[in-house]
Protein backbone atom coordinates (compact mmCIF):
# COMPACT_ATOMS: atom_id res chain seq x y z
CA MET A 1 11.41 -18.63 16.94
CA THR A 2 13.12 -15.26 16.91
CA ALA A 3 11.44 -12.82 19.27
CA ILE A 4 10.52 -9.23 18.47
CA PRO A 5 13.18 -7.16 20.28
CA ASP A 6 11.97 -5.26 23.35
CA TYR A 7 15.20 -3.88 24.82
CA ILE A 8 17.28 -2.96 21.78
CA SER A 9 16.76 -0.17 19.28
CA PRO A 10 15.89 -1.60 15.86
CA ILE A 11 15.83 0.65 12.81
CA THR A 12 12.41 2.00 11.81
CA GLY A 13 11.65 2.13 8.10
CA TYR A 14 8.62 2.32 5.82
CA ARG A 15 7.17 -0.20 3.38
CA VAL A 16 3.99 -1.31 1.64
CA TRP A 17 2.00 -4.51 1.98
CA GLN A 18 -0.80 -6.28 0.24
CA TRP A 19 -3.74 -6.23 2.65
CA HIS A 20 -6.35 -8.97 2.74
CA ARG A 21 -8.82 -10.18 5.32
CA ALA A 22 -6.35 -12.98 6.04
CA GLY A 23 -3.57 -10.52 6.89
CA LEU A 24 -0.48 -9.04 5.25
CA ARG A 25 1.70 -10.13 2.37
CA SER A 26 4.77 -8.64 0.76
CA LEU A 27 4.52 -7.64 -2.88
CA ASN A 28 6.27 -10.91 -3.74
CA GLY A 29 3.57 -12.89 -1.89
CA GLU A 30 5.49 -13.55 1.35
CA THR A 31 3.08 -13.89 4.31
CA TRP A 32 3.66 -11.77 7.43
CA HIS A 33 2.32 -13.71 10.43
CA HIS A 34 1.01 -11.77 13.42
CA GLY A 35 3.19 -12.03 16.53
CA GLU A 36 6.06 -13.58 14.54
CA PRO A 37 8.92 -11.65 12.88
CA LEU A 38 9.59 -12.24 9.22
CA GLU A 39 13.05 -13.67 8.54
CA ALA A 40 14.74 -12.98 5.21
CA ARG A 41 15.91 -15.79 2.93
CA CYS A 42 17.82 -15.59 -0.33
CA ARG A 43 15.80 -17.72 -2.69
CA SER A 44 18.08 -16.87 -5.61
CA SER A 45 21.12 -18.46 -3.97
CA GLU A 46 19.02 -21.44 -2.85
CA ARG A 47 17.81 -22.04 -6.43
CA LEU A 48 21.35 -21.71 -7.78
CA HIS A 49 22.67 -24.19 -5.22
CA TRP A 50 19.88 -26.63 -6.06
CA ARG A 51 20.53 -26.47 -9.81
CA ARG A 52 24.26 -26.99 -9.49
CA HIS A 53 24.03 -29.84 -6.97
CA ARG A 54 27.35 -29.02 -5.38
CA ALA A 55 28.68 -27.53 -2.21
CA ASN A 56 29.78 -24.22 -3.74
CA PRO A 57 28.41 -21.66 -4.11
CA ARG A 58 26.51 -22.32 -0.89
CA PRO A 59 23.23 -20.56 -0.11
CA HIS A 60 24.09 -17.43 1.86
CA ASP A 61 22.35 -15.74 4.74
CA ALA A 62 20.15 -12.77 3.89
CA PRO A 63 20.75 -9.94 3.43
CA HIS A 64 24.07 -10.30 1.63
CA LEU A 65 26.15 -7.26 0.70
CA HIS A 66 26.60 -8.41 -2.90
CA CYS A 67 23.06 -9.63 -3.48
CA THR A 68 19.55 -8.14 -3.61
CA CYS A 69 18.09 -10.36 -0.89
CA GLY A 70 16.63 -9.15 2.38
CA ILE A 71 13.51 -7.45 3.69
CA TYR A 72 13.20 -4.04 2.08
CA ALA A 73 12.20 -0.79 3.78
CA SER A 74 12.44 2.85 2.78
CA LYS A 75 13.81 5.72 4.86
CA SER A 76 10.78 7.86 4.01
CA VAL A 77 7.13 7.15 3.26
CA GLU A 78 7.31 9.75 0.46
CA HIS A 79 9.62 7.43 -1.48
CA LEU A 80 6.82 4.86 -1.56
CA ARG A 81 3.95 7.12 -2.55
CA ARG A 82 3.88 6.98 -6.31
CA PRO A 83 1.19 6.08 -8.89
CA GLY A 84 0.75 2.44 -9.86
CA TYR A 85 0.05 0.76 -6.53
CA GLN A 86 -3.08 -1.35 -6.36
CA ARG A 87 -6.00 -0.28 -4.22
CA SER A 88 -5.40 -3.10 -1.70
CA LEU A 89 -1.91 -1.87 -0.74
CA ILE A 90 -1.24 -0.11 2.55
CA TYR A 91 1.76 1.71 4.01
CA GLY A 92 3.35 1.26 7.39
CA GLN A 93 6.32 1.66 9.65
CA VAL A 94 8.38 -1.49 10.12
CA LEU A 95 11.03 -2.50 12.66
CA LEU A 96 14.28 -3.85 11.17
CA TRP A 97 17.00 -5.72 13.03
CA GLY A 98 19.63 -8.44 12.74
CA THR A 99 22.00 -8.04 9.78
CA ILE A 100 21.19 -4.83 7.92
CA VAL A 101 22.52 -3.48 4.62
CA GLU A 102 22.00 0.26 4.13
CA HIS A 103 21.31 1.95 0.80
CA GLN A 104 20.77 5.57 -0.21
CA ARG A 105 16.99 5.47 0.27
CA GLY A 106 16.49 2.50 2.57
CA TRP A 107 17.67 -0.79 4.01
CA ARG A 108 17.62 -4.55 3.55
CA SER A 109 17.28 -6.43 6.83
CA GLN A 110 17.41 -9.94 8.24
CA TYR A 111 14.35 -9.61 10.49
CA ALA A 112 11.33 -7.32 10.39
CA TYR A 113 7.95 -6.79 12.05
CA PRO A 114 5.30 -4.07 11.56
CA GLN A 115 5.50 -1.09 13.91
CA SER A 116 2.33 0.73 12.77
CA PHE A 117 -0.01 0.87 9.79
CA LEU A 118 -0.87 3.87 7.60
CA LEU A 119 -4.06 3.42 5.58
CA PRO A 120 -4.87 5.65 2.60
CA PRO A 121 -8.63 6.39 2.59
CA GLU A 122 -8.91 4.58 -0.76
CA VAL A 123 -8.23 1.19 0.85
CA LEU A 124 -11.11 1.52 3.34
CA PRO A 125 -14.71 0.63 2.46
CA VAL A 126 -17.29 3.33 3.15
CA ARG A 127 -19.58 1.30 5.40
CA LEU A 128 -18.35 1.16 9.00
CA MET A 129 -19.37 -2.49 9.41
CA GLU A 130 -17.19 -3.50 6.46
CA ILE A 131 -14.28 -1.48 7.84
CA GLU A 132 -14.55 -3.21 11.21
CA THR A 133 -14.46 -6.63 9.53
CA LEU A 134 -11.42 -5.72 7.45
CA LEU A 135 -9.53 -4.15 10.36
CA LYS A 136 -9.54 -7.40 12.35
CA SER A 137 -6.66 -8.75 10.29
CA LEU A 138 -4.50 -5.70 11.14
CA ILE A 139 -5.53 -5.52 14.79
CA SER A 140 -4.11 -9.02 15.27
CA TYR A 141 -0.58 -7.60 14.80
CA ASP A 142 -1.00 -5.58 18.05
CA ARG A 143 0.02 -2.31 16.42
CA ASP A 144 -1.44 1.19 16.13
CA ILE A 145 -3.38 1.98 12.95
CA PHE A 146 -3.64 5.42 11.32
CA ILE A 147 -5.48 6.90 8.36
CA LEU A 148 -3.02 8.65 6.06
CA HIS A 149 -5.00 11.65 4.82
CA HIS A 150 -3.56 14.73 3.08
CA GLY A 151 -0.12 13.95 4.52
CA ALA A 152 -1.40 13.76 8.12
CA MET A 153 -1.74 10.68 10.32
CA CYS A 154 -5.22 10.42 11.84
CA PRO A 155 -5.40 7.79 14.65
CA LEU A 156 -7.88 5.03 13.86
CA TRP A 157 -6.95 2.22 16.25
CA LYS A 158 -4.78 2.42 19.37
CA ASN A 159 -3.37 -0.89 20.46
CA ASP A 160 -3.96 -0.14 24.15
CA SER A 161 -7.45 1.38 23.91
CA GLY A 162 -9.20 0.39 20.65
CA LEU A 163 -10.92 2.69 18.16
CA ALA A 164 -9.73 6.30 18.32
CA ALA A 165 -12.27 9.14 18.36
CA ASP A 166 -10.53 11.14 15.60
CA GLY A 167 -10.50 8.24 13.17
CA LEU A 168 -14.07 7.24 13.97
CA ASP A 169 -15.26 10.83 13.40
CA TYR A 170 -13.47 10.93 10.05
CA LEU A 171 -15.02 7.65 8.90
CA THR A 172 -18.49 8.64 10.15
CA ASP A 173 -18.31 11.94 8.27
CA ARG A 174 -17.13 10.19 5.12
CA ALA A 175 -19.97 7.66 5.36
CA SER A 176 -22.52 10.45 5.85
CA LYS A 177 -21.37 12.15 2.67
CA TRP A 178 -21.74 8.88 0.82
CA TYR A 179 -25.29 8.27 2.04
CA ILE A 180 -26.56 11.71 0.99
CA GLN A 181 -25.18 11.37 -2.53
CA PRO A 182 -27.38 9.97 -5.33
CA ASN A 183 -26.88 6.35 -6.21
CA GLN A 184 -25.26 7.26 -9.49
CA ARG A 185 -23.36 10.34 -10.58
CA SER A 186 -24.48 11.41 -14.05
CA ALA A 187 -21.63 13.74 -15.04
CA ILE A 188 -17.92 13.65 -14.46
CA LYS A 189 -16.36 17.05 -13.75
CA GLN A 190 -12.95 18.70 -13.90
CA GLY A 191 -11.07 18.00 -10.68
CA ASP A 192 -12.77 14.66 -9.98
CA ARG A 193 -10.59 11.67 -9.08
CA ILE A 194 -10.35 8.57 -11.27
CA ALA A 195 -8.75 5.30 -10.21
CA VAL A 196 -7.02 4.07 -13.40
CA ALA A 197 -6.27 0.35 -13.44
CA GLY A 198 -2.53 -0.26 -13.61
CA GLU A 199 -1.70 3.43 -13.22
CA GLY A 200 -3.06 4.65 -9.88
CA MET A 201 -5.06 7.70 -8.91
CA ALA A 202 -5.52 10.51 -11.45
CA VAL A 203 -7.33 13.85 -11.52
CA VAL A 204 -9.60 14.99 -14.37
CA ASP A 205 -7.86 17.83 -16.23
CA ASP A 206 -10.29 18.27 -19.13
CA ILE A 207 -13.30 16.64 -20.79
CA ASP A 208 -13.05 16.65 -24.56
CA GLY A 209 -16.19 15.28 -26.20
CA THR A 210 -16.19 11.52 -25.71
CA TYR A 211 -12.78 11.47 -24.03
CA VAL A 212 -11.48 12.44 -20.60
CA ARG A 213 -7.97 13.82 -20.10
CA VAL A 214 -6.51 13.03 -16.67
CA LYS A 215 -3.25 13.81 -14.91
CA LEU A 216 -1.33 11.30 -12.80
CA GLY A 217 0.73 12.27 -9.77
CA ASN A 218 3.89 12.23 -11.90
CA LYS A 219 2.25 14.79 -14.28
CA THR A 220 1.72 12.24 -17.05
CA MET A 221 -1.38 13.08 -19.10
CA LEU A 222 -3.65 10.17 -20.04
CA ARG A 223 -6.62 9.96 -22.42
CA ILE A 224 -9.57 7.68 -21.57
CA ALA A 225 -12.85 7.05 -23.38
CA ARG A 226 -15.65 8.65 -21.32
CA LYS A 227 -17.91 5.60 -21.71
CA GLN A 228 -15.24 3.45 -20.04
CA VAL A 229 -15.39 5.46 -16.80
CA SER A 230 -18.01 4.61 -14.16
CA TRP A 231 -18.90 5.96 -10.72
CA LYS A 232 -18.27 3.58 -7.80
CA LYS A 233 -20.39 4.80 -4.92
CA GLU A 234 -18.77 2.43 -2.41
CA ASN A 235 -15.41 4.12 -3.04
CA LEU A 236 -16.72 7.65 -3.66
CA ARG A 237 -14.79 8.00 -6.90
CA TRP A 238 -14.71 7.29 -10.62
CA GLU A 239 -12.93 4.15 -11.79
CA THR A 240 -11.93 2.58 -15.09
CA GLU A 241 -10.54 -0.79 -16.10
CA ALA A 242 -9.96 0.36 -19.68
CA ARG A 243 -6.54 1.05 -21.11
CA ALA A 244 -5.50 4.67 -20.66
CA TYR A 245 -3.39 6.13 -23.46
CA ASP A 246 -0.39 8.30 -22.66
CA GLU A 247 -0.84 11.46 -24.72
CA GLY A 248 2.90 11.69 -25.11
CA ASP A 249 3.42 8.29 -26.77
CA GLY A 250 1.42 8.92 -29.95
CA ASN A 251 -1.23 6.26 -29.22
CA ARG A 252 -4.90 7.15 -29.80
C-alpha cells in the first residue's frame, strides 16, 4: 500500500466530496478510505482494452497527459463554490502527489489524501448530538475540520486536541437560535434563503402573489410556486423540491 508522504512536499489543492456517515466518496462514487491514499485509475482505457481484446492500446497509468483520468483538485476553493451542489457535499484541502498533470485551474494526480475539511453550515444538522454522530466519519481521517462560514474558516475539530472552542460556540449559538424559533414559520420574507433542489441555495428577491422570485448565486432569477416552498426547522431555511422556472427561458 502506498503511504501518505511525510517528508516530501505534495501539492495542496481543493475538491468536494459526498459526505455520508460511512465516510467520503468522490462525485463519481469512488470511496476514500481513511488512512489509505486514493490511487487514480483510468477506467476508460481499461474498458477500451477489454472490448478490443488485444494488447494495444494497453490500459495506461493515470493521470495521462492526453486523457481525462486522474484525481481532480482545484487551485482555489472559489472555483468550486457554485450553485448546484447537493446539500451532502463538503469542501476540503487535498494532498496530491505521484504523477501530476497541471491545468489552468487545477491538477490531475496519481495519488491523493485529504488534508483538511471545510464544512458549509448547510451540511451540519442543528442538534449537537446529531453533529457529533456525523463527524465521526470525518474524524477517522485524522485531519482538522473547519466550518466554512462567510468566507472564513472557523475551527471545529483539531486532530491533536478534539473539538475547538470557536466551532463549538458557533454551533451552540446556532442551536439556541433554532430552539427559540416557532416550530413553523408562517410567512416567507424578502431576503430569506431557499434551498432549491437541483439548483442550490437562492435568496428571495420578491414575493408576487402565489409565486416567489429568487436569485441564485450566478444571478439567475427563478420563479417558484409559493405553496411548493416549506420551512425546514432542522436546517433553519426554506426548501423546495418543486421545479423552479428560469424567468429568462420563457417557461411559466
